[in-house]
All heavy atoms as atom14 arrays in JSON, in Angstrom:
{
  "sequence": "AHNNGLLKQNNFNKNIDPNLTKKLIYKLANICLEYDGDMKIFEDII",
  "atom14_mask": [
    [1, 1, 1, 1, 1, 0, 0, 0, 0, 0, 0, 0, 0, 0],
    [1, 1, 1, 1, 1, 1, 1, 1, 1, 1, 0, 0, 0, 0],
    [1, 1, 1, 1, 1, 1, 1, 1, 0, 0, 0, 0, 0, 0],
    [1, 1, 1, 1, 1, 1, 1, 1, 0, 0, 0, 0, 0, 0],
    [1, 1, 1, 1, 0, 0, 0, 0, 0, 0, 0, 0, 0, 0],
    [1, 1, 1, 1, 1, 1, 1, 1, 0, 0, 0, 0, 0, 0],
    [1, 1, 1, 1, 1, 1, 1, 1, 0, 0, 0, 0, 0, 0],
    [1, 1, 1, 1, 1, 1, 1, 1, 1, 0, 0, 0, 0, 0],
    [1, 1, 1, 1, 1, 1, 1, 1, 1, 0, 0, 0, 0, 0],
    [1, 1, 1, 1, 1, 1, 1, 1, 0, 0, 0, 0, 0, 0],
    [1, 1, 1, 1, 1, 1, 1, 1, 0, 0, 0, 0, 0, 0],
    [1, 1, 1, 1, 1, 1, 1, 1, 1, 1, 1, 0, 0, 0],
    [1, 1, 1, 1, 1, 1, 1, 1, 0, 0, 0, 0, 0, 0],
    [1, 1, 1, 1, 1, 1, 1, 1, 1, 0, 0, 0, 0, 0],
    [1, 1, 1, 1, 1, 1, 1, 1, 0, 0, 0, 0, 0, 0],
    [1, 1, 1, 1, 1, 1, 1, 1, 0, 0, 0, 0, 0, 0],
    [1, 1, 1, 1, 1, 1, 1, 1, 0, 0, 0, 0, 0, 0],
    [1, 1, 1, 1, 1, 1, 1, 0, 0, 0, 0, 0, 0, 0],
    [1, 1, 1, 1, 1, 1, 1, 1, 0, 0, 0, 0, 0, 0],
    [1, 1, 1, 1, 1, 1, 1, 1, 0, 0, 0, 0, 0, 0],
    [1, 1, 1, 1, 1, 1, 1, 0, 0, 0, 0, 0, 0, 0],
    [1, 1, 1, 1, 1, 1, 1, 1, 1, 0, 0, 0, 0, 0],
    [1, 1, 1, 1, 1, 1, 1, 1, 1, 0, 0, 0, 0, 0],
    [1, 1, 1, 1, 1, 1, 1, 1, 0, 0, 0, 0, 0, 0],
    [1, 1, 1, 1, 1, 1, 1, 1, 0, 0, 0, 0, 0, 0],
    [1, 1, 1, 1, 1, 1, 1, 1, 1, 1, 1, 1, 0, 0],
    [1, 1, 1, 1, 1, 1, 1, 1, 1, 0, 0, 0, 0, 0],
    [1, 1, 1, 1, 1, 1, 1, 1, 0, 0, 0, 0, 0, 0],
    [1, 1, 1, 1, 1, 0, 0, 0, 0, 0, 0, 0, 0, 0],
    [1, 1, 1, 1, 1, 1, 1, 1, 0, 0, 0, 0, 0, 0],
    [1, 1, 1, 1, 1, 1, 1, 1, 0, 0, 0, 0, 0, 0],
    [1, 1, 1, 1, 1, 1, 0, 0, 0, 0, 0, 0, 0, 0],
    [1, 1, 1, 1, 1, 1, 1, 1, 0, 0, 0, 0, 0, 0],
    [1, 1, 1, 1, 1, 1, 1, 1, 1, 0, 0, 0, 0, 0],
    [1, 1, 1, 1, 1, 1, 1, 1, 1, 1, 1, 1, 0, 0],
    [1, 1, 1, 1, 1, 1, 1, 1, 0, 0, 0, 0, 0, 0],
    [1, 1, 1, 1, 0, 0, 0, 0, 0, 0, 0, 0, 0, 0],
    [1, 1, 1, 1, 1, 1, 1, 1, 0, 0, 0, 0, 0, 0],
    [1, 1, 1, 1, 1, 1, 1, 1, 0, 0, 0, 0, 0, 0],
    [1, 1, 1, 1, 1, 1, 1, 1, 1, 0, 0, 0, 0, 0],
    [1, 1, 1, 1, 1, 1, 1, 1, 0, 0, 0, 0, 0, 0],
    [1, 1, 1, 1, 1, 1, 1, 1, 1, 1, 1, 0, 0, 0],
    [1, 1, 1, 1, 1, 1, 1, 1, 1, 0, 0, 0, 0, 0],
    [1, 1, 1, 1, 1, 1, 1, 1, 0, 0, 0, 0, 0, 0],
    [1, 1, 1, 1, 1, 1, 1, 1, 0, 0, 0, 0, 0, 0],
    [1, 1, 1, 1, 1, 1, 1, 1, 0, 0, 0, 0, 0, 0]
  ],
  "atom14_positions": [
    [[0.84, -1.2, 0.0], [0.0, 0.0, 0.0], [0.88, 1.26, 0.0], [0.58, 2.23, -0.69], [-0.92, 0.0, 1.22], [0.0, 0.0, 0.0], [0.0, 0.0, 0.0], [0.0, 0.0, 0.0], [0.0, 0.0, 0.0], [0.0, 0.0, 0.0], [0.0, 0.0, 0.0], [0.0, 0.0, 0.0], [0.0, 0.0, 0.0], [0.0, 0.0, 0.0]],
    [[1.95, 1.22, 0.75], [2.87, 2.36, 0.8], [3.52, 2.59, -0.56], [3.58, 3.73, -1.06], [3.95, 2.11, 1.85], [5.03, 3.15, 1.87], [4.85, 4.41, 2.41], [6.31, 3.12, 1.39], [5.96, 5.11, 2.27], [6.85, 4.37, 1.65], [0.0, 0.0, 0.0], [0.0, 0.0, 0.0], [0.0, 0.0, 0.0], [0.0, 0.0, 0.0]],
    [[3.99, 1.51, -1.18], [4.67, 1.62, -2.47], [3.74, 2.09, -3.58], [4.2, 2.65, -4.59], [5.28, 0.27, -2.87], [6.44, -0.12, -1.96], [7.03, 0.72, -1.28], [6.77, -1.4, -1.95], [0.0, 0.0, 0.0], [0.0, 0.0, 0.0], [0.0, 0.0, 0.0], [0.0, 0.0, 0.0], [0.0, 0.0, 0.0], [0.0, 0.0, 0.0]],
    [[2.45, 1.86, -3.38], [1.48, 2.22, -4.42], [0.66, 3.47, -4.05], [-0.4, 3.72, -4.63], [0.55, 1.04, -4.7], [1.26, -0.06, -5.47], [1.31, -0.05, -6.7], [1.83, -1.01, -4.75], [0.0, 0.0, 0.0], [0.0, 0.0, 0.0], [0.0, 0.0, 0.0], [0.0, 0.0, 0.0], [0.0, 0.0, 0.0], [0.0, 0.0, 0.0]],
    [[1.16, 4.22, -3.09], [0.57, 5.51, -2.76], [-0.76, 5.49, -2.05], [-1.5, 6.48, -2.08], [0.0, 0.0, 0.0], [0.0, 0.0, 0.0], [0.0, 0.0, 0.0], [0.0, 0.0, 0.0], [0.0, 0.0, 0.0], [0.0, 0.0, 0.0], [0.0, 0.0, 0.0], [0.0, 0.0, 0.0], [0.0, 0.0, 0.0], [0.0, 0.0, 0.0]],
    [[-1.09, 4.39, -1.38], [-2.39, 4.29, -0.71], [-2.34, 4.71, 0.76], [-3.37, 4.74, 1.43], [-2.92, 2.85, -0.8], [-3.18, 2.32, -2.21], [-3.7, 0.89, -2.14], [-4.18, 3.21, -2.94], [0.0, 0.0, 0.0], [0.0, 0.0, 0.0], [0.0, 0.0, 0.0], [0.0, 0.0, 0.0], [0.0, 0.0, 0.0], [0.0, 0.0, 0.0]],
    [[-1.15, 5.03, 1.24], [-1.03, 5.44, 2.64], [-0.65, 6.92, 2.77], [-0.3, 7.39, 3.85], [0.02, 4.58, 3.35], [-0.43, 3.14, 3.63], [0.72, 2.33, 4.21], [-1.61, 3.12, 4.6], [0.0, 0.0, 0.0], [0.0, 0.0, 0.0], [0.0, 0.0, 0.0], [0.0, 0.0, 0.0], [0.0, 0.0, 0.0], [0.0, 0.0, 0.0]],
    [[-0.74, 7.64, 1.65], [-0.46, 9.07, 1.67], [-1.3, 9.76, 0.62], [-1.25, 9.41, -0.55], [1.04, 9.32, 1.41], [1.43, 10.77, 1.53], [2.93, 10.94, 1.31], [3.33, 12.41, 1.45], [4.79, 12.6, 1.25], [0.0, 0.0, 0.0], [0.0, 0.0, 0.0], [0.0, 0.0, 0.0], [0.0, 0.0, 0.0], [0.0, 0.0, 0.0]],
    [[-2.05, 10.74, 1.05], [-2.92, 11.45, 0.1], [-2.11, 12.47, -0.69], [-1.28, 13.19, -0.14], [-4.04, 12.15, 0.86], [-5.19, 12.64, -0.02], [-6.35, 13.15, 0.8], [-6.16, 13.91, 1.73], [-7.56, 12.75, 0.44], [0.0, 0.0, 0.0], [0.0, 0.0, 0.0], [0.0, 0.0, 0.0], [0.0, 0.0, 0.0], [0.0, 0.0, 0.0]],
    [[-2.3, 12.5, -2.0], [-1.62, 13.48, -2.84], [-2.51, 13.82, -4.03], [-3.66, 13.41, -4.1], [-0.25, 12.94, -3.3], [-0.38, 11.57, -3.97], [-1.2, 11.38, -4.86], [0.43, 10.61, -3.53], [0.0, 0.0, 0.0], [0.0, 0.0, 0.0], [0.0, 0.0, 0.0], [0.0, 0.0, 0.0], [0.0, 0.0, 0.0], [0.0, 0.0, 0.0]],
    [[-1.95, 14.56, -4.97], [-2.73, 15.02, -6.12], [-3.18, 13.88, -7.04], [-4.11, 14.03, -7.82], [-1.91, 16.04, -6.93], [-1.69, 17.33, -6.17], [-2.52, 17.71, -5.35], [-0.57, 18.0, -6.43], [0.0, 0.0, 0.0], [0.0, 0.0, 0.0], [0.0, 0.0, 0.0], [0.0, 0.0, 0.0], [0.0, 0.0, 0.0], [0.0, 0.0, 0.0]],
    [[-2.47, 12.75, -6.96], [-2.79, 11.63, -7.83], [-3.89, 10.74, -7.25], [-4.51, 9.96, -7.96], [-1.54, 10.8, -8.1], [-0.47, 11.57, -8.81], [0.61, 12.08, -8.11], [-0.55, 11.84, -10.17], [1.61, 12.81, -8.75], [0.43, 12.57, -10.82], [1.51, 13.06, -10.11], [0.0, 0.0, 0.0], [0.0, 0.0, 0.0], [0.0, 0.0, 0.0]],
    [[-4.11, 10.8, -5.95], [-5.14, 9.96, -5.34], [-5.89, 10.73, -4.25], [-5.89, 10.34, -3.09], [-4.53, 8.67, -4.76], [-3.43, 8.97, -3.75], [-3.1, 10.12, -3.49], [-2.89, 7.92, -3.15], [0.0, 0.0, 0.0], [0.0, 0.0, 0.0], [0.0, 0.0, 0.0], [0.0, 0.0, 0.0], [0.0, 0.0, 0.0], [0.0, 0.0, 0.0]],
    [[-6.52, 11.81, -4.67], [-7.24, 12.66, -3.72], [-8.39, 11.94, -3.03], [-8.85, 12.36, -1.97], [-7.76, 13.89, -4.46], [-6.66, 14.8, -4.98], [-7.25, 16.02, -5.68], [-6.15, 16.95, -6.18], [-6.69, 18.15, -6.87], [0.0, 0.0, 0.0], [0.0, 0.0, 0.0], [0.0, 0.0, 0.0], [0.0, 0.0, 0.0], [0.0, 0.0, 0.0]],
    [[-8.87, 10.88, -3.64], [-10.01, 10.16, -3.06], [-9.58, 9.14, -2.01], [-10.42, 8.48, -1.4], [-10.78, 9.44, -4.16], [-11.43, 10.41, -5.13], [-11.87, 11.49, -4.74], [-11.49, 10.04, -6.4], [0.0, 0.0, 0.0], [0.0, 0.0, 0.0], [0.0, 0.0, 0.0], [0.0, 0.0, 0.0], [0.0, 0.0, 0.0], [0.0, 0.0, 0.0]],
    [[-8.26, 8.98, -1.82], [-7.76, 7.99, -0.87], [-7.62, 8.61, 0.51], [-7.01, 9.66, 0.69], [-6.4, 7.44, -1.32], [-6.55, 6.61, -2.59], [-5.74, 6.63, -0.22], [-7.36, 5.34, -2.39], [0.0, 0.0, 0.0], [0.0, 0.0, 0.0], [0.0, 0.0, 0.0], [0.0, 0.0, 0.0], [0.0, 0.0, 0.0], [0.0, 0.0, 0.0]],
    [[-8.18, 7.93, 1.5], [-8.01, 8.32, 2.91], [-7.06, 7.3, 3.54], [-7.41, 6.12, 3.68], [-9.36, 8.3, 3.63], [-9.25, 8.72, 5.09], [-8.13, 8.74, 5.63], [-10.29, 8.98, 5.7], [0.0, 0.0, 0.0], [0.0, 0.0, 0.0], [0.0, 0.0, 0.0], [0.0, 0.0, 0.0], [0.0, 0.0, 0.0], [0.0, 0.0, 0.0]],
    [[-5.84, 7.7, 3.91], [-4.87, 6.77, 4.48], [-5.4, 5.99, 5.68], [-5.05, 4.83, 5.87], [-3.71, 7.69, 4.9], [-3.8, 8.84, 3.95], [-5.27, 9.06, 3.76], [0.0, 0.0, 0.0], [0.0, 0.0, 0.0], [0.0, 0.0, 0.0], [0.0, 0.0, 0.0], [0.0, 0.0, 0.0], [0.0, 0.0, 0.0], [0.0, 0.0, 0.0]],
    [[-6.26, 6.61, 6.47], [-6.83, 5.92, 7.63], [-7.74, 4.78, 7.2], [-7.77, 3.71, 7.83], [-7.6, 6.9, 8.51], [-6.68, 7.89, 9.2], [-5.58, 7.54, 9.63], [-7.13, 9.13, 9.32], [0.0, 0.0, 0.0], [0.0, 0.0, 0.0], [0.0, 0.0, 0.0], [0.0, 0.0, 0.0], [0.0, 0.0, 0.0], [0.0, 0.0, 0.0]],
    [[-8.5, 4.99, 6.12], [-9.36, 3.93, 5.6], [-8.51, 2.8, 5.02], [-8.85, 1.62, 5.13], [-10.3, 4.47, 4.54], [-11.47, 5.33, 5.03], [-12.31, 5.82, 3.86], [-12.33, 4.54, 6.01], [0.0, 0.0, 0.0], [0.0, 0.0, 0.0], [0.0, 0.0, 0.0], [0.0, 0.0, 0.0], [0.0, 0.0, 0.0], [0.0, 0.0, 0.0]],
    [[-7.38, 3.18, 4.41], [-6.46, 2.17, 3.87], [-5.94, 1.28, 4.99], [-5.89, 0.05, 4.86], [-5.27, 2.83, 3.16], [-5.75, 3.61, 2.06], [-4.31, 1.78, 2.62], [0.0, 0.0, 0.0], [0.0, 0.0, 0.0], [0.0, 0.0, 0.0], [0.0, 0.0, 0.0], [0.0, 0.0, 0.0], [0.0, 0.0, 0.0], [0.0, 0.0, 0.0]],
    [[-5.55, 1.89, 6.1], [-5.04, 1.13, 7.25], [-6.1, 0.18, 7.79], [-5.81, -0.97, 8.12], [-4.59, 2.09, 8.35], [-3.37, 2.91, 7.98], [-3.01, 3.89, 9.08], [-1.82, 4.77, 8.68], [-1.5, 5.76, 9.74], [0.0, 0.0, 0.0], [0.0, 0.0, 0.0], [0.0, 0.0, 0.0], [0.0, 0.0, 0.0], [0.0, 0.0, 0.0]],
    [[-7.34, 0.65, 7.86], [-8.43, -0.21, 8.34], [-8.65, -1.38, 7.39], [-8.89, -2.51, 7.83], [-9.71, 0.61, 8.49], [-9.67, 1.62, 9.62], [-10.98, 2.4, 9.73], [-10.93, 3.4, 10.88], [-12.19, 4.18, 11.0], [0.0, 0.0, 0.0], [0.0, 0.0, 0.0], [0.0, 0.0, 0.0], [0.0, 0.0, 0.0], [0.0, 0.0, 0.0]],
    [[-8.57, -1.1, 6.09], [-8.73, -2.16, 5.09], [-7.62, -3.19, 5.22], [-7.87, -4.4, 5.1], [-8.75, -1.57, 3.68], [-8.86, -2.57, 2.53], [-10.1, -3.46, 2.67], [-8.87, -1.84, 1.18], [0.0, 0.0, 0.0], [0.0, 0.0, 0.0], [0.0, 0.0, 0.0], [0.0, 0.0, 0.0], [0.0, 0.0, 0.0], [0.0, 0.0, 0.0]],
    [[-6.41, -2.73, 5.45], [-5.28, -3.64, 5.61], [-5.54, -4.61, 6.77], [-5.32, -5.82, 6.64], [-3.98, -2.85, 5.86], [-3.52, -2.18, 4.56], [-2.88, -3.76, 6.41], [-2.36, -1.22, 4.73], [0.0, 0.0, 0.0], [0.0, 0.0, 0.0], [0.0, 0.0, 0.0], [0.0, 0.0, 0.0], [0.0, 0.0, 0.0], [0.0, 0.0, 0.0]],
    [[-6.0, -4.1, 7.88], [-6.28, -4.96, 9.04], [-7.43, -5.92, 8.77], [-7.4, -7.08, 9.19], [-6.58, -4.11, 10.28], [-5.35, -3.69, 11.03], [-4.68, -2.52, 10.7], [-4.82, -4.49, 12.05], [-3.52, -2.14, 11.38], [-3.67, -4.11, 12.73], [-3.03, -2.94, 12.39], [-1.89, -2.58, 13.05], [0.0, 0.0, 0.0], [0.0, 0.0, 0.0]],
    [[-8.44, -5.44, 8.04], [-9.57, -6.32, 7.72], [-9.15, -7.45, 6.8], [-9.6, -8.59, 6.95], [-10.7, -5.5, 7.1], [-11.41, -4.59, 8.09], [-12.51, -3.77, 7.43], [-13.2, -2.87, 8.46], [-14.28, -2.06, 7.85], [0.0, 0.0, 0.0], [0.0, 0.0, 0.0], [0.0, 0.0, 0.0], [0.0, 0.0, 0.0], [0.0, 0.0, 0.0]],
    [[-8.27, -7.16, 5.85], [-7.77, -8.19, 4.95], [-6.89, -9.18, 5.71], [-7.02, -10.4, 5.54], [-6.98, -7.54, 3.81], [-7.78, -6.78, 2.76], [-6.86, -6.0, 1.83], [-8.67, -7.73, 1.95], [0.0, 0.0, 0.0], [0.0, 0.0, 0.0], [0.0, 0.0, 0.0], [0.0, 0.0, 0.0], [0.0, 0.0, 0.0], [0.0, 0.0, 0.0]],
    [[-5.99, -8.66, 6.52], [-5.1, -9.54, 7.28], [-5.88, -10.42, 8.26], [-5.52, -11.58, 8.49], [-4.06, -8.71, 8.03], [0.0, 0.0, 0.0], [0.0, 0.0, 0.0], [0.0, 0.0, 0.0], [0.0, 0.0, 0.0], [0.0, 0.0, 0.0], [0.0, 0.0, 0.0], [0.0, 0.0, 0.0], [0.0, 0.0, 0.0], [0.0, 0.0, 0.0]],
    [[-6.95, -9.87, 8.81], [-7.74, -10.62, 9.81], [-8.6, -11.72, 9.2], [-9.21, -12.5, 9.94], [-8.61, -9.66, 10.61], [-7.81, -8.87, 11.63], [-6.7, -9.27, 12.0], [-8.35, -7.75, 12.08], [0.0, 0.0, 0.0], [0.0, 0.0, 0.0], [0.0, 0.0, 0.0], [0.0, 0.0, 0.0], [0.0, 0.0, 0.0], [0.0, 0.0, 0.0]],
    [[-8.66, -11.78, 7.86], [-9.41, -12.87, 7.24], [-8.84, -14.22, 7.7], [-9.58, -15.18, 7.91], [-9.35, -12.77, 5.7], [-10.15, -11.56, 5.22], [-9.91, -14.05, 5.04], [-10.11, -11.35, 3.71], [0.0, 0.0, 0.0], [0.0, 0.0, 0.0], [0.0, 0.0, 0.0], [0.0, 0.0, 0.0], [0.0, 0.0, 0.0], [0.0, 0.0, 0.0]],
    [[-7.52, -14.26, 7.88], [-6.89, -15.53, 8.29], [-7.35, -15.97, 9.67], [-7.28, -17.16, 9.99], [-5.37, -15.4, 8.26], [-4.72, -14.2, 9.44], [0.0, 0.0, 0.0], [0.0, 0.0, 0.0], [0.0, 0.0, 0.0], [0.0, 0.0, 0.0], [0.0, 0.0, 0.0], [0.0, 0.0, 0.0], [0.0, 0.0, 0.0], [0.0, 0.0, 0.0]],
    [[-7.84, -15.04, 10.49], [-8.3, -15.4, 11.83], [-9.71, -15.97, 11.81], [-10.12, -16.66, 12.73], [-8.24, -14.18, 12.75], [-6.89, -13.46, 12.83], [-6.97, -12.28, 13.78], [-5.81, -14.43, 13.27], [0.0, 0.0, 0.0], [0.0, 0.0, 0.0], [0.0, 0.0, 0.0], [0.0, 0.0, 0.0], [0.0, 0.0, 0.0], [0.0, 0.0, 0.0]],
    [[-10.45, -15.67, 10.76], [-11.82, -16.17, 10.62], [-11.9, -17.4, 9.73], [-12.86, -18.15, 9.78], [-12.73, -15.06, 10.06], [-12.78, -13.8, 10.91], [-13.7, -12.75, 10.31], [-14.82, -13.11, 9.92], [-13.29, -11.57, 10.23], [0.0, 0.0, 0.0], [0.0, 0.0, 0.0], [0.0, 0.0, 0.0], [0.0, 0.0, 0.0], [0.0, 0.0, 0.0]],
    [[-10.87, -17.57, 8.92], [-10.86, -18.66, 7.94], [-10.69, -20.01, 8.63], [-9.82, -20.2, 9.46], [-9.72, -18.42, 6.96], [-9.58, -19.46, 5.88], [-10.51, -19.53, 4.85], [-8.52, -20.36, 5.89], [-10.38, -20.47, 3.85], [-8.39, -21.3, 4.89], [-9.31, -21.36, 3.87], [-9.18, -22.29, 2.89], [0.0, 0.0, 0.0], [0.0, 0.0, 0.0]],
    [[-11.54, -20.98, 8.28], [-11.46, -22.31, 8.9], [-11.31, -23.42, 7.87], [-11.6, -24.58, 8.15], [-12.7, -22.56, 9.77], [-13.99, -22.58, 8.94], [-13.92, -22.36, 7.71], [-15.07, -22.83, 9.53], [0.0, 0.0, 0.0], [0.0, 0.0, 0.0], [0.0, 0.0, 0.0], [0.0, 0.0, 0.0], [0.0, 0.0, 0.0], [0.0, 0.0, 0.0]],
    [[-10.89, -23.06, 6.67], [-10.72, -24.05, 5.62], [-11.8, -23.99, 4.55], [-11.68, -24.62, 3.5], [0.0, 0.0, 0.0], [0.0, 0.0, 0.0], [0.0, 0.0, 0.0], [0.0, 0.0, 0.0], [0.0, 0.0, 0.0], [0.0, 0.0, 0.0], [0.0, 0.0, 0.0], [0.0, 0.0, 0.0], [0.0, 0.0, 0.0], [0.0, 0.0, 0.0]],
    [[-12.85, -23.23, 4.83], [-13.94, -23.08, 3.89], [-13.72, -21.81, 3.06], [-13.78, -20.7, 3.58], [-15.27, -22.97, 4.65], [-16.47, -22.91, 3.72], [-16.27, -22.87, 2.48], [-17.61, -22.88, 4.23], [0.0, 0.0, 0.0], [0.0, 0.0, 0.0], [0.0, 0.0, 0.0], [0.0, 0.0, 0.0], [0.0, 0.0, 0.0], [0.0, 0.0, 0.0]],
    [[-13.44, -21.98, 1.76], [-13.16, -20.83, 0.92], [-14.34, -19.89, 0.78], [-14.18, -18.73, 0.4], [-12.7, -21.3, -0.46], [-11.26, -21.78, -0.51], [-10.06, -20.56, 0.11], [-10.26, -19.23, -1.08], [0.0, 0.0, 0.0], [0.0, 0.0, 0.0], [0.0, 0.0, 0.0], [0.0, 0.0, 0.0], [0.0, 0.0, 0.0], [0.0, 0.0, 0.0]],
    [[-15.55, -20.36, 1.12], [-16.72, -19.48, 1.05], [-16.57, -18.33, 2.04], [-17.02, -17.21, 1.77], [-17.99, -20.27, 1.35], [-19.27, -19.47, 1.1], [-20.51, -20.32, 1.3], [-21.78, -19.55, 0.93], [-21.92, -18.29, 1.68], [0.0, 0.0, 0.0], [0.0, 0.0, 0.0], [0.0, 0.0, 0.0], [0.0, 0.0, 0.0], [0.0, 0.0, 0.0]],
    [[-15.95, -18.6, 3.18], [-15.71, -17.55, 4.17], [-14.81, -16.48, 3.57], [-15.07, -15.28, 3.7], [-15.07, -18.14, 5.44], [-16.05, -19.07, 6.14], [-14.6, -17.02, 6.38], [-15.48, -19.76, 7.35], [0.0, 0.0, 0.0], [0.0, 0.0, 0.0], [0.0, 0.0, 0.0], [0.0, 0.0, 0.0], [0.0, 0.0, 0.0], [0.0, 0.0, 0.0]],
    [[-13.76, -16.92, 2.89], [-12.83, -16.0, 2.23], [-13.58, -15.15, 1.21], [-13.46, -13.92, 1.21], [-11.71, -16.81, 1.56], [-10.69, -15.98, 0.85], [-9.51, -15.6, 1.48], [-10.9, -15.57, -0.47], [-8.56, -14.84, 0.82], [-9.96, -14.81, -1.14], [-8.79, -14.44, -0.5], [0.0, 0.0, 0.0], [0.0, 0.0, 0.0], [0.0, 0.0, 0.0]],
    [[-14.34, -15.81, 0.34], [-15.05, -15.11, -0.72], [-16.1, -14.14, -0.17], [-16.26, -13.04, -0.68], [-15.72, -16.12, -1.66], [-14.76, -17.09, -2.33], [-13.86, -16.42, -3.35], [-14.07, -15.23, -3.64], [-12.94, -17.09, -3.86], [0.0, 0.0, 0.0], [0.0, 0.0, 0.0], [0.0, 0.0, 0.0], [0.0, 0.0, 0.0], [0.0, 0.0, 0.0]],
    [[-16.81, -14.55, 0.88], [-17.85, -13.69, 1.47], [-17.26, -12.42, 2.05], [-17.81, -11.32, 1.89], [-18.61, -14.46, 2.56], [-19.54, -15.51, 1.99], [-19.79, -15.48, 0.77], [-20.02, -16.37, 2.76], [0.0, 0.0, 0.0], [0.0, 0.0, 0.0], [0.0, 0.0, 0.0], [0.0, 0.0, 0.0], [0.0, 0.0, 0.0], [0.0, 0.0, 0.0]],
    [[-16.12, -12.55, 2.75], [-15.5, -11.37, 3.36], [-14.99, -10.42, 2.28], [-15.15, -9.2, 2.39], [-14.34, -11.79, 4.29], [-14.87, -12.61, 5.47], [-13.58, -10.56, 4.8], [-13.81, -13.13, 6.39], [0.0, 0.0, 0.0], [0.0, 0.0, 0.0], [0.0, 0.0, 0.0], [0.0, 0.0, 0.0], [0.0, 0.0, 0.0], [0.0, 0.0, 0.0]],
    [[-14.39, -10.98, 1.23], [-13.92, -10.14, 0.13], [-15.09, -9.4, -0.51], [-14.99, -8.2, -0.82], [-13.18, -10.99, -0.93], [-11.87, -11.54, -0.36], [-12.91, -10.16, -2.18], [-10.88, -10.49, 0.04], [0.0, 0.0, 0.0], [0.0, 0.0, 0.0], [0.0, 0.0, 0.0], [0.0, 0.0, 0.0], [0.0, 0.0, 0.0], [0.0, 0.0, 0.0]]
  ]
}
């Protein structure tokens, strides 16, 4: 996210809120905590 400019607002991505990006990162990473082997869980969260 940092390398692709999602953690810093600038003229190229004025619609990006770095705080929302951080929350999304945690939500994506936390999928592994809910995942129990059923890919439907993965797909539903996405």
